[in-house]
Amino acid sequence: MEKRVVFRHKTLPYLLLAPQIAITLIFFFWPAGQALWQSTQLQDVFGLSTEFVGLDNFIDLFNQDAYLDSFRVTAMFSALVAFVGLAVSLVLAVMANRVIRAAGLYKTMLIWPYAVAPAVVGVLWLFLFSPSVGILAVALGQLSIHWNPRLDGDQAMILVLIAAVWKQISYNFLFFLAGLQSIPRSLIEAAAIDGASPARRFWTIVFPLLSPTTFFLLVVNVIYAFFDTFAVIDTTTQGGPGTSTSILVYKVYSDAFNGLDLGSSAAQSVILMFIVVALTVMQFRYIDRKVQY
């Protein structure tokens, strides 16, 4: 018989939940409510004078070409970060899952980048791709490729993409490796006995069984690209050149602290919040149906 926990006092469960509820209210719902309220206000930098403007901040945003362009940049950037990061991590996990010498060392080295702060990641890759002293930039110059991400928007996007993907590879690698190790070896061995090639075994057995892990990582990587890449962009390109790498989350910061337009920045944060919530709901509602558990 399975033992069940019985609370003798009706208030005890609520007391146990109270700390988590308080944290959620204070650090999630309260800031979200503040952002919603500030998005309807027109206020000065110091918050000394405010004026209720309703939805004017939202209307002004969608009349700005720079803000509409940030949607395109964010969509392209988040899609590339998610799919490139997942593809590279899966390849590395498949290779590390093989029985080879020093496999533990390889796994440890692949996990290390996750411990590096995003700002440090941005500085690291900015130095490697520095047009004057960067090792990788010099190598590209020897291949007759003129590299200068401060002047070329496409090259700036490649730079932040590489930095963002490199930072997230370790996280994806851990989950993919755990998923691969949980797949019964008997299934793969049976397919090998039946004559299935390694590629066929991977696409018909391994990858479908990894679909729950892949779906989870897809959601996490999209959210990561929307929010957690701010420090990478700020330390490498500052949203430039022009607005070529100015994603939505960086534009929220730029308009608030550089443009000193708090109402517009709050409106952008509200729009960004609803976009992420909508994407997450769509992923769980439609993509989750194709996941095999």
Protein backbone atom coordinates (compact mmCIF):
# COMPACT_ATOMS: atom_id res chain seq x y z
CA MET A 1 0.00 0.00 0.00
CA GLU A 2 1.26 3.42 -0.95
CA LYS A 3 1.38 5.87 1.93
CA ARG A 4 -0.41 9.17 1.48
CA VAL A 5 0.50 12.36 3.26
CA VAL A 6 -2.41 13.77 5.28
CA PHE A 7 -2.33 17.38 6.45
CA ARG A 8 -4.06 17.66 9.79
CA HIS A 9 -4.31 21.44 9.52
CA LYS A 10 -6.03 22.99 6.51
CA THR A 11 -3.73 26.01 6.54
CA LEU A 12 -0.45 24.03 6.46
CA PRO A 13 -0.45 23.40 2.65
CA TYR A 14 -0.99 27.10 2.03
CA LEU A 15 1.81 28.00 4.42
CA LEU A 16 4.15 25.65 2.58
CA LEU A 17 3.19 27.22 -0.75
CA ALA A 18 3.38 30.79 0.57
CA PRO A 19 7.13 31.40 -0.09
CA GLN A 20 6.90 30.29 -3.73
CA ILE A 21 3.69 32.24 -4.27
CA ALA A 22 5.29 35.35 -2.74
CA ILE A 23 8.35 35.05 -5.00
CA THR A 24 6.15 34.61 -8.08
CA LEU A 25 3.98 37.61 -7.20
CA ILE A 26 6.86 39.91 -6.26
CA PHE A 27 9.36 39.05 -9.00
CA PHE A 28 7.03 38.10 -11.88
CA PHE A 29 3.49 39.44 -11.63
CA TRP A 30 4.37 42.73 -9.94
CA PRO A 31 6.99 43.76 -12.58
CA ALA A 32 4.62 42.66 -15.35
CA GLY A 33 1.85 44.79 -13.87
CA GLN A 34 4.23 47.74 -13.54
CA ALA A 35 5.23 47.38 -17.19
CA LEU A 36 1.59 47.31 -18.27
CA TRP A 37 0.86 50.48 -16.30
CA GLN A 38 3.97 52.34 -17.50
CA SER A 39 3.19 51.43 -21.12
CA THR A 40 0.09 53.63 -20.88
CA GLN A 41 2.03 56.57 -19.44
CA LEU A 42 4.08 59.41 -20.89
CA GLN A 43 6.66 60.38 -18.28
CA ASP A 44 9.95 62.19 -17.93
CA VAL A 45 13.24 60.50 -17.18
CA PHE A 46 12.99 60.95 -13.40
CA GLY A 47 9.31 59.96 -13.17
CA LEU A 48 8.37 63.32 -11.65
CA SER A 49 5.60 64.06 -14.13
CA THR A 50 3.38 61.51 -15.87
CA GLU A 51 0.49 61.71 -18.28
CA PHE A 52 -1.94 58.94 -19.16
CA VAL A 53 -1.87 58.39 -22.94
CA GLY A 54 -3.66 55.04 -23.24
CA LEU A 55 -2.50 53.05 -26.26
CA ASP A 56 -0.61 55.93 -27.90
CA ASN A 57 2.77 54.38 -27.06
CA PHE A 58 1.79 51.17 -28.85
CA ILE A 59 0.44 53.06 -31.87
CA ASP A 60 3.63 55.11 -32.17
CA LEU A 61 5.74 51.95 -32.03
CA PHE A 62 4.03 50.32 -34.98
CA ASN A 63 4.46 53.51 -36.99
CA GLN A 64 8.25 53.33 -36.56
CA ASP A 65 10.19 51.55 -39.30
CA ALA A 66 13.06 50.82 -36.89
CA TYR A 67 10.78 48.94 -34.52
CA LEU A 68 9.15 46.95 -37.29
CA ASP A 69 12.59 46.06 -38.61
CA SER A 70 13.56 44.75 -35.16
CA PHE A 71 10.79 42.14 -35.55
CA ARG A 72 12.48 40.83 -38.70
CA VAL A 73 15.91 40.83 -37.05
CA THR A 74 14.57 39.05 -33.94
CA ALA A 75 12.72 36.40 -35.94
CA MET A 76 15.77 35.60 -38.08
CA PHE A 77 18.16 35.66 -35.12
CA SER A 78 16.02 33.47 -32.83
CA ALA A 79 15.37 30.91 -35.58
CA LEU A 80 19.07 30.64 -36.42
CA VAL A 81 20.13 30.41 -32.77
CA ALA A 82 17.58 27.68 -32.06
CA PHE A 83 18.11 25.49 -35.12
CA VAL A 84 21.88 25.91 -35.52
CA GLY A 85 22.42 25.43 -31.79
CA LEU A 86 20.28 22.29 -31.66
CA ALA A 87 21.85 20.81 -34.79
CA VAL A 88 25.44 21.33 -33.63
CA SER A 89 24.66 20.11 -30.11
CA LEU A 90 22.98 16.97 -31.41
CA VAL A 91 25.96 16.13 -33.62
CA LEU A 92 28.35 16.61 -30.70
CA ALA A 93 26.16 14.52 -28.39
CA VAL A 94 25.99 11.66 -30.92
CA MET A 95 29.77 11.71 -31.30
CA ALA A 96 30.38 11.88 -27.53
CA ASN A 97 27.94 9.02 -26.91
CA ARG A 98 30.20 6.59 -28.73
CA VAL A 99 32.54 4.33 -26.80
CA ILE A 100 35.92 5.98 -27.44
CA ARG A 101 39.02 6.77 -25.45
CA ALA A 102 38.96 9.91 -23.29
CA ALA A 103 35.20 10.28 -23.82
CA GLY A 104 34.87 11.73 -20.31
CA LEU A 105 37.42 14.43 -21.14
CA TYR A 106 35.57 15.39 -24.31
CA LYS A 107 32.27 15.63 -22.44
CA THR A 108 33.82 17.81 -19.74
CA MET A 109 35.34 20.19 -22.31
CA LEU A 110 32.00 20.50 -24.10
CA ILE A 111 30.23 21.36 -20.83
CA TRP A 112 32.67 24.08 -19.74
CA PRO A 113 31.38 26.92 -22.00
CA TYR A 114 28.06 26.95 -20.14
CA ALA A 115 29.87 28.26 -17.04
CA VAL A 116 31.05 31.37 -18.94
CA ALA A 117 29.00 34.53 -18.41
CA PRO A 118 27.22 35.88 -21.54
CA ALA A 119 29.11 39.19 -21.33
CA VAL A 120 32.43 37.32 -21.24
CA VAL A 121 31.31 35.23 -24.23
CA GLY A 122 30.61 38.40 -26.19
CA VAL A 123 34.03 39.91 -25.35
CA LEU A 124 35.78 36.62 -26.19
CA TRP A 125 34.28 36.30 -29.66
CA LEU A 126 34.62 40.03 -30.31
CA PHE A 127 38.35 39.70 -29.66
CA LEU A 128 38.67 36.59 -31.84
CA PHE A 129 36.93 38.38 -34.72
CA SER A 130 38.58 41.76 -34.17
CA PRO A 131 39.57 43.05 -37.65
CA SER A 132 43.02 44.16 -36.49
CA VAL A 133 44.24 41.55 -33.98
CA GLY A 134 41.64 38.75 -33.99
CA ILE A 135 43.02 35.35 -34.92
CA LEU A 136 39.92 34.33 -36.84
CA ALA A 137 39.65 37.70 -38.58
CA VAL A 138 43.29 37.48 -39.69
CA ALA A 139 42.66 33.96 -41.00
CA LEU A 140 39.67 35.22 -42.97
CA GLY A 141 41.83 38.02 -44.38
CA GLN A 142 44.33 35.45 -45.65
CA LEU A 143 41.42 33.85 -47.50
CA SER A 144 40.70 37.22 -49.16
CA ILE A 145 37.57 37.74 -47.02
CA HIS A 146 37.31 41.31 -45.79
CA TRP A 147 35.96 41.05 -42.24
CA ASN A 148 34.68 44.05 -40.30
CA PRO A 149 31.48 43.46 -38.30
CA ARG A 150 31.41 47.10 -37.18
CA LEU A 151 30.71 48.16 -40.76
CA ASP A 152 28.97 45.13 -42.29
CA GLY A 153 25.55 44.27 -40.84
CA ASP A 154 25.58 40.68 -42.12
CA GLN A 155 28.97 40.03 -40.57
CA ALA A 156 27.77 41.54 -37.28
CA MET A 157 24.82 39.15 -37.31
CA ILE A 158 27.16 36.21 -37.95
CA LEU A 159 29.33 37.32 -35.02
CA VAL A 160 26.50 37.51 -32.48
CA LEU A 161 25.01 34.29 -33.86
CA ILE A 162 28.26 32.38 -33.34
CA ALA A 163 28.68 33.79 -29.82
CA ALA A 164 25.07 33.06 -28.82
CA VAL A 165 25.12 29.52 -30.23
CA TRP A 166 28.49 28.72 -28.61
CA LYS A 167 27.16 29.84 -25.22
CA GLN A 168 24.10 27.57 -25.46
CA ILE A 169 25.72 24.49 -27.00
CA SER A 170 26.76 23.05 -23.63
CA TYR A 171 23.22 23.26 -22.25
CA ASN A 172 21.76 21.53 -25.31
CA PHE A 173 24.57 18.98 -25.33
CA LEU A 174 23.84 17.85 -21.76
CA PHE A 175 20.17 17.15 -22.49
CA PHE A 176 20.84 15.46 -25.82
CA LEU A 177 23.52 13.25 -24.28
CA ALA A 178 21.21 12.28 -21.42
CA GLY A 179 18.47 11.50 -23.95
CA LEU A 180 20.79 9.35 -26.05
CA GLN A 181 21.98 7.39 -23.03
CA SER A 182 18.39 6.66 -22.00
CA ILE A 183 17.58 4.94 -25.33
CA PRO A 184 17.70 1.14 -24.93
CA ARG A 185 20.70 -0.29 -26.76
CA SER A 186 18.66 -3.37 -27.64
CA LEU A 187 16.54 -1.36 -30.09
CA ILE A 188 19.56 -0.08 -31.97
CA GLU A 189 21.25 -3.49 -31.95
CA ALA A 190 18.10 -5.16 -33.30
CA ALA A 191 17.94 -2.64 -36.15
CA ALA A 192 21.63 -3.25 -36.90
CA ILE A 193 21.03 -7.00 -37.04
CA ASP A 194 18.18 -6.36 -39.50
CA GLY A 195 20.66 -4.55 -41.76
CA ALA A 196 19.71 -0.94 -41.11
CA SER A 197 22.50 1.52 -41.84
CA PRO A 198 23.73 3.91 -39.09
CA ALA A 199 21.92 6.84 -40.75
CA ARG A 200 18.68 4.88 -41.01
CA ARG A 201 18.95 3.73 -37.40
CA PHE A 202 19.41 7.32 -36.29
CA TRP A 203 16.45 8.81 -38.23
CA THR A 204 14.00 5.95 -37.64
CA ILE A 205 14.84 5.02 -34.03
CA VAL A 206 17.13 7.45 -32.23
CA PHE A 207 15.77 10.80 -33.40
CA PRO A 208 12.07 9.95 -32.84
CA LEU A 209 12.88 8.81 -29.31
CA LEU A 210 14.70 12.10 -28.76
CA SER A 211 11.65 14.15 -29.78
CA PRO A 212 10.60 15.03 -26.18
CA THR A 213 14.11 16.32 -25.45
CA THR A 214 14.25 18.16 -28.78
CA PHE A 215 10.89 19.81 -28.16
CA PHE A 216 11.92 20.94 -24.69
CA LEU A 217 15.20 22.37 -26.00
CA LEU A 218 13.40 24.11 -28.86
CA VAL A 219 11.23 26.04 -26.40
CA VAL A 220 14.19 26.83 -24.16
CA ASN A 221 16.37 28.01 -27.05
CA VAL A 222 13.70 30.30 -28.49
CA ILE A 223 13.25 31.95 -25.10
CA TYR A 224 17.03 32.13 -24.73
CA ALA A 225 17.37 33.88 -28.09
CA PHE A 226 14.67 36.40 -27.16
CA PHE A 227 16.00 37.34 -23.71
CA ASP A 228 19.34 35.87 -22.61
CA THR A 229 21.34 37.04 -25.64
CA PHE A 230 21.11 40.68 -24.54
CA ALA A 231 24.57 40.66 -22.89
CA VAL A 232 26.14 39.02 -25.95
CA ILE A 233 24.79 41.72 -28.27
CA ASP A 234 25.59 44.55 -25.88
CA THR A 235 29.25 43.56 -25.57
CA THR A 236 29.80 42.81 -29.28
CA THR A 237 27.78 45.10 -31.55
CA GLN A 238 25.51 47.26 -29.33
CA GLY A 239 22.75 46.55 -31.83
CA GLY A 240 24.77 47.87 -34.77
CA PRO A 241 25.91 48.65 -37.28
CA GLY A 242 22.75 50.70 -37.59
CA THR A 243 20.00 48.40 -36.37
CA SER A 244 21.21 45.21 -38.05
CA THR A 245 21.56 43.31 -34.74
CA SER A 246 19.06 45.26 -32.65
CA ILE A 247 16.67 42.54 -31.49
CA LEU A 248 13.53 43.36 -29.52
CA VAL A 249 15.02 42.91 -26.06
CA TYR A 250 17.99 45.12 -26.89
CA LYS A 251 15.73 47.82 -28.32
CA VAL A 252 13.80 47.85 -25.03
CA TYR A 253 17.04 48.66 -23.23
CA SER A 254 18.25 51.11 -25.86
CA ASP A 255 15.07 53.19 -25.90
CA ALA A 256 14.89 53.26 -22.09
CA PHE A 257 18.50 54.02 -21.15
CA ASN A 258 19.84 55.66 -24.30
CA GLY A 259 16.71 57.26 -25.73
CA LEU A 260 15.22 57.95 -22.25
CA ASP A 261 11.74 57.07 -23.55
CA LEU A 262 10.37 55.04 -20.64
CA GLY A 263 6.80 54.77 -21.91
CA SER A 264 7.85 53.40 -25.29
CA SER A 265 10.30 51.01 -23.64
CA ALA A 266 7.57 49.68 -21.32
CA ALA A 267 5.23 49.20 -24.28
CA GLN A 268 7.94 47.23 -26.10
CA SER A 269 8.49 45.00 -23.07
CA VAL A 270 4.76 44.27 -22.92
CA ILE A 271 4.68 43.36 -26.61
CA LEU A 272 7.75 41.17 -26.18
CA MET A 273 6.15 39.41 -23.22
CA PHE A 274 3.00 38.60 -25.20
CA ILE A 275 5.06 37.40 -28.18
CA VAL A 276 7.02 34.94 -26.04
CA VAL A 277 3.86 33.71 -24.30
CA ALA A 278 2.13 33.25 -27.68
CA LEU A 279 5.09 31.35 -29.14
CA THR A 280 5.29 29.08 -26.12
CA VAL A 281 1.56 28.33 -26.24
CA MET A 282 1.74 27.58 -29.99
CA GLN A 283 4.71 25.28 -29.50
CA PHE A 284 3.00 23.29 -26.75
CA ARG A 285 -0.36 23.24 -28.53
CA TYR A 286 0.69 22.28 -32.05
CA ILE A 287 4.29 21.07 -32.09
CA ASP A 288 3.80 18.99 -28.94
CA ARG A 289 1.24 16.85 -30.79
CA LYS A 290 3.99 15.51 -33.05
CA VAL A 291 6.24 14.62 -30.14
CA GLN A 292 6.46 10.91 -29.33
CA TYR A 293 6.60 10.25 -25.59
